Amino acid sequence: MKKKQQRPNVKKDDKPVTLGDMLNLDLKNQLKERQQQLKVEEEKKKLAEEERKREERRLKEKNKSFEELLEESSINWKEFK
């Protein structure tokens, strides 16, 4: 005869163990703090990139040739001849 294997009693209220449950609280706090730091750094990078693009546009506008400025002008210059 085979022996009956006893299964451990599993409670229905037991939730699966998550990664957050396995990490200690200090490590969890450190990770959250690092996440916040990365968000701040990313925001700074975005602002710096926007500023760089703005400066680039300003310099491009400043260095336009007379021909480019004339083409962009909405005035019909033929009327002033």
PDB file of N, CA and C in Angstrom:
ATOM      1  N   MET A   1       0.831  -1.182   0.000  1.00  0.00           N
ATOM      2  CA  MET A   1       0.000   0.000   0.000  1.00  0.00           C
ATOM      3  C   MET A   1       0.871   1.239   0.000  1.00  0.00           C
ATOM      4  N   LYS A   2       0.356   2.244  -0.711  1.00  0.00           N
ATOM      5  CA  LYS A   2       1.075   3.513  -0.739  1.00  0.00           C
ATOM      6  C   LYS A   2       0.707   4.337   0.468  1.00  0.00           C
ATOM      7  N   LYS A   3       1.703   5.039   0.935  1.00  0.00           N
ATOM      8  CA  LYS A   3       1.437   5.940   2.050  1.00  0.00           C
ATOM      9  C   LYS A   3       0.839   7.215   1.491  1.00  0.00           C
ATOM     10  N   LYS A   4      -0.081   7.730   2.179  1.00  0.00           N
ATOM     11  CA  LYS A   4      -0.687   8.992   1.763  1.00  0.00           C
ATOM     12  C   LYS A   4       0.255  10.132   2.129  1.00  0.00           C
ATOM     13  N   GLN A   5       0.486  10.993   1.145  1.00  0.00           N
ATOM     14  CA  GLN A   5       1.323  12.148   1.413  1.00  0.00           C
ATOM     15  C   GLN A   5       0.466  13.243   2.013  1.00  0.00           C
ATOM     16  N   GLN A   6       0.997  13.819   3.027  1.00  0.00           N
ATOM     17  CA  GLN A   6       0.260  14.897   3.662  1.00  0.00           C
ATOM     18  C   GLN A   6       0.648  16.207   2.988  1.00  0.00           C
ATOM     19  N   ARG A   7      -0.332  16.930   2.594  1.00  0.00           N
ATOM     20  CA  ARG A   7      -0.096  18.245   1.992  1.00  0.00           C
ATOM     21  C   ARG A   7      -0.176  19.290   3.100  1.00  0.00           C
ATOM     22  N   PRO A   8       0.715  20.239   3.052  1.00  0.00           N
ATOM     23  CA  PRO A   8       0.632  21.281   4.082  1.00  0.00           C
ATOM     24  C   PRO A   8      -0.657  22.072   3.894  1.00  0.00           C
ATOM     25  N   ASN A   9      -1.200  22.443   5.003  1.00  0.00           N
ATOM     26  CA  ASN A   9      -2.436  23.219   4.936  1.00  0.00           C
ATOM     27  C   ASN A   9      -2.128  24.616   4.423  1.00  0.00           C
ATOM     28  N   VAL A  10      -2.708  24.957   3.300  1.00  0.00           N
ATOM     29  CA  VAL A  10      -2.515  26.270   2.715  1.00  0.00           C
ATOM     30  C   VAL A  10      -3.752  27.097   3.028  1.00  0.00           C
ATOM     31  N   LYS A  11      -3.516  28.213   3.660  1.00  0.00           N
ATOM     32  CA  LYS A  11      -4.632  29.091   3.985  1.00  0.00           C
ATOM     33  C   LYS A  11      -5.055  29.844   2.745  1.00  0.00           C
ATOM     34  N   LYS A  12      -6.299  30.063   2.579  1.00  0.00           N
ATOM     35  CA  LYS A  12      -6.802  30.802   1.427  1.00  0.00           C
ATOM     36  C   LYS A  12      -6.473  32.283   1.544  1.00  0.00           C
ATOM     37  N   ASP A  13      -6.208  32.757   2.731  1.00  0.00           N
ATOM     38  CA  ASP A  13      -5.905  34.170   2.942  1.00  0.00           C
ATOM     39  C   ASP A  13      -4.448  34.503   2.607  1.00  0.00           C
ATOM     40  N   ASP A  14      -3.597  33.476   2.470  1.00  0.00           N
ATOM     41  CA  ASP A  14      -2.188  33.720   2.169  1.00  0.00           C
ATOM     42  C   ASP A  14      -2.055  34.337   0.787  1.00  0.00           C
ATOM     43  N   LYS A  15      -1.370  35.453   0.752  1.00  0.00           N
ATOM     44  CA  LYS A  15      -1.121  36.132  -0.519  1.00  0.00           C
ATOM     45  C   LYS A  15       0.241  35.687  -1.026  1.00  0.00           C
ATOM     46  N   PRO A  16       0.446  35.708  -2.341  1.00  0.00           N
ATOM     47  CA  PRO A  16       1.773  35.343  -2.837  1.00  0.00           C
ATOM     48  C   PRO A  16       2.813  36.352  -2.353  1.00  0.00           C
ATOM     49  N   VAL A  17       3.997  35.865  -2.107  1.00  0.00           N
ATOM     50  CA  VAL A  17       5.079  36.705  -1.608  1.00  0.00           C
ATOM     51  C   VAL A  17       5.563  37.587  -2.754  1.00  0.00           C
ATOM     52  N   THR A  18       5.630  38.885  -2.496  1.00  0.00           N
ATOM     53  CA  THR A  18       6.085  39.824  -3.522  1.00  0.00           C
ATOM     54  C   THR A  18       7.519  40.246  -3.232  1.00  0.00           C
ATOM     55  N   LEU A  19       8.120  40.859  -4.212  1.00  0.00           N
ATOM     56  CA  LEU A  19       9.488  41.342  -4.055  1.00  0.00           C
ATOM     57  C   LEU A  19       9.567  42.366  -2.927  1.00  0.00           C
ATOM     58  N   GLY A  20       8.560  43.207  -2.817  1.00  0.00           N
ATOM     59  CA  GLY A  20       8.525  44.207  -1.754  1.00  0.00           C
ATOM     60  C   GLY A  20       8.500  43.586  -0.371  1.00  0.00           C
ATOM     61  N   ASP A  21       7.864  42.444  -0.266  1.00  0.00           N
ATOM     62  CA  ASP A  21       7.810  41.759   1.025  1.00  0.00           C
ATOM     63  C   ASP A  21       9.175  41.172   1.396  1.00  0.00           C
ATOM     64  N   MET A  22       9.929  40.771   0.388  1.00  0.00           N
ATOM     65  CA  MET A  22      11.207  40.119   0.655  1.00  0.00           C
ATOM     66  C   MET A  22      12.319  41.134   0.958  1.00  0.00           C
ATOM     67  N   LEU A  23      12.212  42.328   0.436  1.00  0.00           N
ATOM     68  CA  LEU A  23      13.230  43.342   0.680  1.00  0.00           C
ATOM     69  C   LEU A  23      13.042  43.946   2.063  1.00  0.00           C
ATOM     70  N   ASN A  24      14.132  44.272   2.675  1.00  0.00           N
ATOM     71  CA  ASN A  24      13.973  44.912   3.972  1.00  0.00           C
ATOM     72  C   ASN A  24      13.585  46.380   3.760  1.00  0.00           C
ATOM     73  N   LEU A  25      13.095  46.991   4.758  1.00  0.00           N
ATOM     74  CA  LEU A  25      12.531  48.336   4.665  1.00  0.00           C
ATOM     75  C   LEU A  25      13.577  49.381   4.290  1.00  0.00           C
ATOM     76  N   ASP A  26      14.785  49.261   4.826  1.00  0.00           N
ATOM     77  CA  ASP A  26      15.841  50.232   4.517  1.00  0.00           C
ATOM     78  C   ASP A  26      16.190  50.207   3.031  1.00  0.00           C
ATOM     79  N   LEU A  27      16.344  49.017   2.491  1.00  0.00           N
ATOM     80  CA  LEU A  27      16.678  48.881   1.076  1.00  0.00           C
ATOM     81  C   LEU A  27      15.542  49.425   0.207  1.00  0.00           C
ATOM     82  N   LYS A  28      14.359  49.170   0.609  1.00  0.00           N
ATOM     83  CA  LYS A  28      13.185  49.657  -0.122  1.00  0.00           C
ATOM     84  C   LYS A  28      13.174  51.193  -0.148  1.00  0.00           C
ATOM     85  N   ASN A  29      13.465  51.805   0.994  1.00  0.00           N
ATOM     86  CA  ASN A  29      13.517  53.269   1.080  1.00  0.00           C
ATOM     87  C   ASN A  29      14.649  53.835   0.228  1.00  0.00           C
ATOM     88  N   GLN A  30      15.793  53.148   0.228  1.00  0.00           N
ATOM     89  CA  GLN A  30      16.925  53.597  -0.589  1.00  0.00           C
ATOM     90  C   GLN A  30      16.566  53.563  -2.075  1.00  0.00           C
ATOM     91  N   LEU A  31      15.886  52.520  -2.486  1.00  0.00           N
ATOM     92  CA  LEU A  31      15.489  52.405  -3.886  1.00  0.00           C
ATOM     93  C   LEU A  31      14.497  53.494  -4.287  1.00  0.00           C
ATOM     94  N   LYS A  32      13.572  53.801  -3.412  1.00  0.00           N
ATOM     95  CA  LYS A  32      12.605  54.860  -3.697  1.00  0.00           C
ATOM     96  C   LYS A  32      13.293  56.223  -3.764  1.00  0.00           C
ATOM     97  N   GLU A  33      14.253  56.442  -2.882  1.00  0.00           N
ATOM     98  CA  GLU A  33      15.008  57.697  -2.889  1.00  0.00           C
ATOM     99  C   GLU A  33      15.808  57.825  -4.179  1.00  0.00           C
ATOM    100  N   ARG A  34      16.427  56.747  -4.603  1.00  0.00           N
ATOM    101  CA  ARG A  34      17.200  56.751  -5.856  1.00  0.00           C
ATOM    102  C   ARG A  34      16.287  57.017  -7.053  1.00  0.00           C
ATOM    103  N   GLN A  35      15.097  56.457  -7.010  1.00  0.00           N
ATOM    104  CA  GLN A  35      14.126  56.688  -8.077  1.00  0.00           C
ATOM    105  C   GLN A  35      13.772  58.172  -8.167  1.00  0.00           C
ATOM    106  N   GLN A  36      13.580  58.807  -7.035  1.00  0.00           N
ATOM    107  CA  GLN A  36      13.289  60.227  -7.017  1.00  0.00           C
ATOM    108  C   GLN A  36      14.461  61.034  -7.563  1.00  0.00           C
ATOM    109  N   GLN A  37      15.677  60.655  -7.193  1.00  0.00           N
ATOM    110  CA  GLN A  37      16.861  61.342  -7.694  1.00  0.00           C
ATOM    111  C   GLN A  37      16.953  61.229  -9.208  1.00  0.00           C
ATOM    112  N   LEU A  38      16.667  60.057  -9.739  1.00  0.00           N
ATOM    113  CA  LEU A  38      16.719  59.855 -11.182  1.00  0.00           C
ATOM    114  C   LEU A  38      15.668  60.697 -11.904  1.00  0.00           C
ATOM    115  N   LYS A  39      14.501  60.836 -11.290  1.00  0.00           N
ATOM    116  CA  LYS A  39      13.461  61.670 -11.884  1.00  0.00           C
ATOM    117  C   LYS A  39      13.905  63.130 -11.937  1.00  0.00           C
ATOM    118  N   VAL A  40      14.527  63.597 -10.869  1.00  0.00           N
ATOM    119  CA  VAL A  40      15.014  64.976 -10.816  1.00  0.00           C
ATOM    120  C   VAL A  40      16.104  65.195 -11.867  1.00  0.00           C
ATOM    121  N   GLU A  41      17.022  64.236 -11.969  1.00  0.00           N
ATOM    122  CA  GLU A  41      18.095  64.341 -12.966  1.00  0.00           C
ATOM    123  C   GLU A  41      17.526  64.364 -14.386  1.00  0.00           C
ATOM    124  N   GLU A  42      16.539  63.541 -14.645  1.00  0.00           N
ATOM    125  CA  GLU A  42      15.908  63.489 -15.964  1.00  0.00           C
ATOM    126  C   GLU A  42      15.233  64.820 -16.291  1.00  0.00           C
ATOM    127  N   GLU A  43      14.584  65.409 -15.311  1.00  0.00           N
ATOM    128  CA  GLU A  43      13.928  66.708 -15.505  1.00  0.00           C
ATOM    129  C   GLU A  43      14.970  67.788 -15.817  1.00  0.00           C
ATOM    130  N   LYS A  44      16.095  67.750 -15.110  1.00  0.00           N
ATOM    131  CA  LYS A  44      17.169  68.713 -15.370  1.00  0.00           C
ATOM    132  C   LYS A  44      17.708  68.549 -16.784  1.00  0.00           C
ATOM    133  N   LYS A  45      17.856  67.308 -17.230  1.00  0.00           N
ATOM    134  CA  LYS A  45      18.344  67.047 -18.582  1.00  0.00           C
ATOM    135  C   LYS A  45      17.367  67.602 -19.624  1.00  0.00           C
ATOM    136  N   LYS A  46      16.079  67.421 -19.387  1.00  0.00           N
ATOM    137  CA  LYS A  46      15.066  67.930 -20.319  1.00  0.00           C
ATOM    138  C   LYS A  46      15.143  69.449 -20.405  1.00  0.00           C
ATOM    139  N   LEU A  47      15.262  70.105 -19.268  1.00  0.00           N
ATOM    140  CA  LEU A  47      15.344  71.562 -19.252  1.00  0.00           C
ATOM    141  C   LEU A  47      16.605  72.049 -19.963  1.00  0.00           C
ATOM    142  N   ALA A  48      17.714  71.377 -19.746  1.00  0.00           N
ATOM    143  CA  ALA A  48      18.968  71.758 -20.396  1.00  0.00           C
ATOM    144  C   ALA A  48      18.861  71.577 -21.907  1.00  0.00           C
ATOM    145  N   GLU A  49      18.222  70.509 -22.336  1.00  0.00           N
ATOM    146  CA  GLU A  49      18.049  70.257 -23.771  1.00  0.00           C
ATOM    147  C   GLU A  49      17.153  71.312 -24.405  1.00  0.00           C
ATOM    148  N   GLU A  50      16.083  71.684 -23.728  1.00  0.00           N
ATOM    149  CA  GLU A  50      15.200  72.737 -24.240  1.00  0.00           C
ATOM    150  C   GLU A  50      15.953  74.060 -24.352  1.00  0.00           C
ATOM    151  N   GLU A  51      16.757  74.374 -23.356  1.00  0.00           N
ATOM    152  CA  GLU A  51      17.538  75.612 -23.374  1.00  0.00           C
ATOM    153  C   GLU A  51      18.538  75.597 -24.524  1.00  0.00           C
ATOM    154  N   ARG A  52      19.175  74.462 -24.737  1.00  0.00           N
ATOM    155  CA  ARG A  52      20.134  74.340 -25.831  1.00  0.00           C
ATOM    156  C   ARG A  52      19.455  74.546 -27.187  1.00  0.00           C
ATOM    157  N   LYS A  53      18.280  73.951 -27.362  1.00  0.00           N
ATOM    158  CA  LYS A  53      17.542  74.111 -28.615  1.00  0.00           C
ATOM    159  C   LYS A  53      17.108  75.560 -28.824  1.00  0.00           C
ATOM    160  N   ARG A  54      16.669  76.200 -27.749  1.00  0.00           N
ATOM    161  CA  ARG A  54      16.280  77.608 -27.831  1.00  0.00           C
ATOM    162  C   ARG A  54      17.461  78.483 -28.270  1.00  0.00           C
ATOM    163  N   GLU A  55      18.610  78.235 -27.662  1.00  0.00           N
ATOM    164  CA  GLU A  55      19.813  79.000 -27.991  1.00  0.00           C
ATOM    165  C   GLU A  55      20.230  78.735 -29.444  1.00  0.00           C
ATOM    166  N   GLU A  56      20.106  77.491 -29.853  1.00  0.00           N
ATOM    167  CA  GLU A  56      20.450  77.132 -31.235  1.00  0.00           C
ATOM    168  C   GLU A  56      19.545  77.862 -32.235  1.00  0.00           C
ATOM    169  N   ARG A  57      18.241  77.895 -31.931  1.00  0.00           N
ATOM    170  CA  ARG A  57      17.296  78.619 -32.804  1.00  0.00           C
ATOM    171  C   ARG A  57      17.620  80.108 -32.843  1.00  0.00           C
ATOM    172  N   ARG A  58      17.977  80.666 -31.687  1.00  0.00           N
ATOM    173  CA  ARG A  58      18.287  82.091 -31.622  1.00  0.00           C
ATOM    174  C   ARG A  58      19.512  82.415 -32.473  1.00  0.00           C
ATOM    175  N   LEU A  59      20.538  81.584 -32.369  1.00  0.00           N
ATOM    176  CA  LEU A  59      21.754  81.811 -33.153  1.00  0.00           C
ATOM    177  C   LEU A  59      21.495  81.632 -34.649  1.00  0.00           C
ATOM    178  N   LYS A  60      20.660  80.662 -34.982  1.00  0.00           N
ATOM    179  CA  LYS A  60      20.329  80.445 -36.388  1.00  0.00           C
ATOM    180  C   LYS A  60      19.589  81.658 -36.945  1.00  0.00           C
ATOM    181  N   GLU A  61      18.665  82.183 -36.169  1.00  0.00           N
ATOM    182  CA  GLU A  61      17.913  83.375 -36.580  1.00  0.00           C
ATOM    183  C   GLU A  61      18.859  84.572 -36.717  1.00  0.00           C
ATOM    184  N   LYS A  62      19.791  84.679 -35.831  1.00  0.00           N
ATOM    185  CA  LYS A  62      20.731  85.802 -35.829  1.00  0.00           C
ATOM    186  C   LYS A  62      21.644  85.760 -37.053  1.00  0.00           C
ATOM    187  N   ASN A  63      21.993  84.561 -37.498  1.00  0.00           N
ATOM    188  CA  ASN A  63      22.953  84.417 -38.584  1.00  0.00           C
ATOM    189  C   ASN A  63      22.311  84.214 -39.959  1.00  0.00           C
ATOM    190  N   LYS A  64      21.050  84.526 -40.103  1.00  0.00           N
ATOM    191  CA  LYS A  64      20.391  84.373 -41.397  1.00  0.00           C
ATOM    192  C   LYS A  64      20.936  85.381 -42.393  1.00  0.00           C
ATOM    193  N   SER A  65      20.976  84.933 -43.628  1.00  0.00           N
ATOM    194  CA  SER A  65      21.449  85.830 -44.681  1.00  0.00           C
ATOM    195  C   SER A  65      20.299  86.752 -45.102  1.00  0.00           C
ATOM    196  N   PHE A  66      20.669  87.784 -45.865  1.00  0.00           N
ATOM    197  CA  PHE A  66      19.661  88.735 -46.345  1.00  0.00           C
ATOM    198  C   PHE A  66      18.634  88.020 -47.218  1.00  0.00           C
ATOM    199  N   GLU A  67      19.079  87.065 -48.010  1.00  0.00           N
ATOM    200  CA  GLU A  67      18.181  86.327 -48.905  1.00  0.00           C
ATOM    201  C   GLU A  67      17.131  85.557 -48.100  1.00  0.00           C
ATOM    202  N   GLU A  68      17.574  84.886 -47.033  1.00  0.00           N
ATOM    203  CA  GLU A  68      16.640  84.123 -46.194  1.00  0.00           C
ATOM    204  C   GLU A  68      15.626  85.052 -45.529  1.00  0.00           C
ATOM    205  N   LEU A  69      16.096  86.191 -45.048  1.00  0.00           N
ATOM    206  CA  LEU A  69      15.183  87.148 -44.417  1.00  0.00           C
ATOM    207  C   LEU A  69      14.179  87.690 -45.423  1.00  0.00           C
ATOM    208  N   LEU A  70      14.628  87.946 -46.641  1.00  0.00           N
ATOM    209  CA  LEU A  70      13.761  88.460 -47.684  1.00  0.00           C
ATOM    210  C   LEU A  70      12.699  87.431 -48.063  1.00  0.00           C
ATOM    211  N   GLU A  71      13.082  86.160 -48.143  1.00  0.00           N
ATOM    212  CA  GLU A  71      12.132  85.096 -48.486  1.00  0.00           C
ATOM    213  C   GLU A  71      11.083  84.914 -47.391  1.00  0.00           C
ATOM    214  N   GLU A  72      11.454  85.107 -46.151  1.00  0.00           N
ATOM    215  CA  GLU A  72      10.530  84.935 -45.038  1.00  0.00           C
ATOM    216  C   GLU A  72       9.599  86.130 -44.861  1.00  0.00           C
ATOM    217  N   SER A  73       9.953  87.233 -45.457  1.00  0.00           N
ATOM    218  CA  SER A  73       9.170  88.448 -45.295  1.00  0.00           C
ATOM    219  C   SER A  73       7.806  88.282 -45.969  1.00  0.00           C
ATOM    220  N   SER A  74       6.769  88.760 -45.311  1.00  0.00           N
ATOM    221  CA  SER A  74       5.419  88.654 -45.868  1.00  0.00           C
ATOM    222  C   SER A  74       5.068  89.839 -46.760  1.00  0.00           C
ATOM    223  N   ILE A  75       5.922  90.821 -46.828  1.00  0.00           N
ATOM    224  CA  ILE A  75       5.665  92.016 -47.644  1.00  0.00           C
ATOM    225  C   ILE A  75       5.959  91.695 -49.104  1.00  0.00           C
ATOM    226  N   ASN A  76       5.097  92.154 -49.983  1.00  0.00           N
ATOM    227  CA  ASN A  76       5.318  91.986 -51.418  1.00  0.00           C
ATOM    228  C   ASN A  76       6.229  93.120 -51.880  1.00  0.00           C
ATOM    229  N   TRP A  77       7.513  92.811 -52.056  1.00  0.00           N
ATOM    230  CA  TRP A  77       8.507  93.832 -52.360  1.00  0.00           C
ATOM    231  C   TRP A  77       8.381  94.374 -53.786  1.00  0.00           C
ATOM    232  N   LYS A  78       7.680  93.691 -54.647  1.00  0.00           N
ATOM    233  CA  LYS A  78       7.502  94.142 -56.026  1.00  0.00           C
ATOM    234  C   LYS A  78       6.651  95.426 -56.058  1.00  0.00           C
ATOM    235  N   GLU A  79       5.811  95.600 -55.066  1.00  0.00           N
ATOM    236  CA  GLU A  79       4.974  96.805 -55.008  1.00  0.00           C
ATOM    237  C   GLU A  79       5.791  98.047 -54.668  1.00  0.00           C
ATOM    238  N   PHE A  80       6.954  97.891 -54.120  1.00  0.00           N
ATOM    239  CA  PHE A  80       7.763  99.031 -53.686  1.00  0.00           C
ATOM    240  C   PHE A  80       8.794  99.450 -54.721  1.00  0.00           C
ATOM    241  N   LYS A  81       8.799  98.837 -55.900  1.00  0.00           N
ATOM    242  CA  LYS A  81       9.743  99.194 -56.946  1.00  0.00           C
ATOM    243  C   LYS A  81       9.349 100.503 -57.583  1.00  0.00           C
TER     244      LYS A  81
END
